[in-house]
Amino acid sequence: MAAFYGDVIGLERLEGNAAPGIIFFRIAEGFGGHTQVLALFDKALSAHPQSSPTAVQAPETGQKSSLHHLALTLSYAEQDAAMAWYDSLGIAYRVEHFGWVGWRGIFTEDPEGNTVELVAFDPSLKT
């Protein structure tokens, strides 16, 4: 998972975390001094593998979860470059257009089957 989000998606890994099995990636600068992050927890290295940071039991994931996908925003040109990058790596993706908001979404899956969208504003779609 860390290789996918770092090497394929291109998120910056935040260094300095001392907790084993927890990796943070920067998504955006955030607000009030807190960076927006993607946090990956290796349950095999956790002291409580069936727990989550906020509950005794791990949250629902996969088809039982109402979480549909993670959407990361980038420019239209960067999105074109991402599709070329996916093509060079042999990574499957699909393109969807959302004319009502002027978005083009590029959807793929991470190694655990979570849907990841790279979304860009496309002014030609806005009606």
Protein backbone atom coordinates (compact mmCIF):
# COMPACT_ATOMS: atom_id res chain seq x y z
CA MET A 1 0.00 0.00 0.00
CA ALA A 2 2.76 2.46 0.87
CA ALA A 3 4.47 1.85 -2.48
CA PHE A 4 1.20 2.46 -4.34
CA TYR A 5 0.43 5.78 -2.66
CA GLY A 6 4.05 6.95 -2.77
CA ASP A 7 5.32 5.61 -6.10
CA VAL A 8 2.15 5.38 -8.21
CA ILE A 9 -0.06 8.18 -6.87
CA GLY A 10 2.94 10.35 -5.95
CA LEU A 11 2.00 11.40 -2.43
CA GLU A 12 4.82 12.66 -0.21
CA ARG A 13 5.59 10.38 2.73
CA LEU A 14 5.87 12.24 6.02
CA GLU A 15 8.94 11.20 7.97
CA GLY A 16 9.51 11.19 11.71
CA ASN A 17 6.71 8.94 12.96
CA ALA A 18 8.11 6.63 15.63
CA ALA A 19 5.14 4.25 15.77
CA PRO A 20 5.85 1.01 13.89
CA GLY A 21 3.44 0.10 11.13
CA ILE A 22 1.93 3.58 10.70
CA ILE A 23 2.71 5.62 7.59
CA PHE A 24 1.44 9.11 6.85
CA PHE A 25 1.28 10.72 3.39
CA ARG A 26 0.75 14.44 2.82
CA ILE A 27 -2.38 15.23 0.82
CA ALA A 28 -2.47 19.01 1.29
CA GLU A 29 -1.27 21.72 3.64
CA GLY A 30 -4.52 21.69 5.56
CA PHE A 31 -5.64 24.26 8.10
CA GLY A 32 -4.45 25.58 11.44
CA GLY A 33 -1.09 23.84 11.31
CA HIS A 34 -2.47 20.36 10.66
CA THR A 35 -1.52 18.79 7.35
CA GLN A 36 -4.21 16.83 5.50
CA VAL A 37 -2.95 13.25 5.47
CA LEU A 38 -3.65 9.74 4.34
CA ALA A 39 -2.78 7.35 7.19
CA LEU A 40 -1.97 3.69 6.58
CA PHE A 41 -1.96 1.30 9.54
CA ASP A 42 -0.31 -2.13 9.24
CA LYS A 43 -2.59 -4.26 11.41
CA ALA A 44 0.04 -7.01 11.63
CA LEU A 45 2.30 -4.62 13.58
CA SER A 46 -0.44 -3.17 15.78
CA ALA A 47 -0.65 -4.04 19.45
CA HIS A 48 -4.41 -4.44 18.91
CA PRO A 49 -4.87 -5.66 15.30
CA GLN A 50 -8.68 -5.64 15.41
CA SER A 51 -8.94 -2.11 16.75
CA SER A 52 -8.88 1.32 15.18
CA PRO A 53 -7.60 4.64 16.55
CA THR A 54 -11.14 5.67 17.56
CA ALA A 55 -12.93 2.44 18.50
CA VAL A 56 -12.49 -0.98 20.03
CA GLN A 57 -13.36 -2.71 16.75
CA ALA A 58 -11.94 -1.92 13.34
CA PRO A 59 -14.29 0.03 11.07
CA GLU A 60 -16.31 -1.59 8.30
CA THR A 61 -14.40 -1.70 5.04
CA GLY A 62 -14.96 -3.00 1.55
CA GLN A 63 -18.50 -3.66 0.32
CA LYS A 64 -20.00 -3.20 3.80
CA SER A 65 -18.65 0.34 4.06
CA SER A 66 -20.50 3.43 2.85
CA LEU A 67 -17.13 4.97 1.95
CA HIS A 68 -17.07 4.91 -1.84
CA HIS A 69 -13.72 6.38 -2.84
CA LEU A 70 -10.87 8.76 -2.11
CA ALA A 71 -10.73 11.74 -4.50
CA LEU A 72 -7.53 13.74 -4.98
CA THR A 73 -7.64 16.99 -6.95
CA LEU A 74 -5.05 17.98 -9.53
CA SER A 75 -4.84 20.08 -12.67
CA TYR A 76 -6.14 18.88 -16.02
CA ALA A 77 -2.57 18.69 -17.41
CA GLU A 78 -1.41 16.70 -14.38
CA GLN A 79 -4.36 14.38 -14.86
CA ASP A 80 -3.32 13.74 -18.49
CA ALA A 81 0.20 12.97 -17.23
CA ALA A 82 -1.24 10.60 -14.61
CA MET A 83 -3.09 8.63 -17.29
CA ALA A 84 0.14 8.33 -19.30
CA TRP A 85 1.90 7.21 -16.10
CA TYR A 86 -0.79 4.58 -15.42
CA ASP A 87 -0.47 3.38 -19.03
CA SER A 88 3.32 3.03 -18.69
CA LEU A 89 2.87 0.98 -15.50
CA GLY A 90 0.05 -1.14 -16.92
CA ILE A 91 -2.40 0.09 -14.28
CA ALA A 92 -6.07 -0.21 -15.23
CA TYR A 93 -8.24 2.89 -14.90
CA ARG A 94 -11.50 4.31 -16.18
CA VAL A 95 -12.47 7.86 -17.10
CA GLU A 96 -15.79 9.44 -16.11
CA HIS A 97 -17.11 12.90 -16.98
CA PHE A 98 -19.34 14.88 -14.61
CA GLY A 99 -20.67 17.69 -16.81
CA TRP A 100 -22.93 19.20 -14.18
CA VAL A 101 -19.84 20.27 -12.17
CA GLY A 102 -17.25 20.27 -14.96
CA TRP A 103 -15.12 17.44 -13.59
CA ARG A 104 -13.24 14.63 -15.27
CA GLY A 105 -12.42 11.74 -12.95
CA ILE A 106 -9.77 9.08 -13.46
CA PHE A 107 -10.57 6.04 -11.29
CA THR A 108 -8.28 3.17 -10.32
CA GLU A 109 -7.91 0.82 -7.34
CA ASP A 110 -5.17 0.53 -4.76
CA PRO A 111 -3.74 -2.92 -3.89
CA GLU A 112 -6.48 -3.48 -1.28
CA GLY A 113 -9.30 -2.69 -3.71
CA ASN A 114 -10.08 0.85 -2.52
CA THR A 115 -11.14 3.16 -5.34
CA VAL A 116 -8.88 6.18 -5.87
CA GLU A 117 -10.00 9.06 -8.10
CA LEU A 118 -7.77 11.74 -9.57
CA VAL A 119 -10.19 14.54 -10.38
CA ALA A 120 -9.65 17.70 -12.43
CA PHE A 121 -11.80 20.61 -13.53
CA ASP A 122 -12.50 20.51 -17.27
CA PRO A 123 -14.09 23.81 -18.38
CA SER A 124 -15.25 22.21 -21.64
CA LEU A 125 -17.64 20.02 -19.63
CA LYS A 126 -19.37 22.79 -17.68
CA THR A 127 -22.73 23.54 -19.28
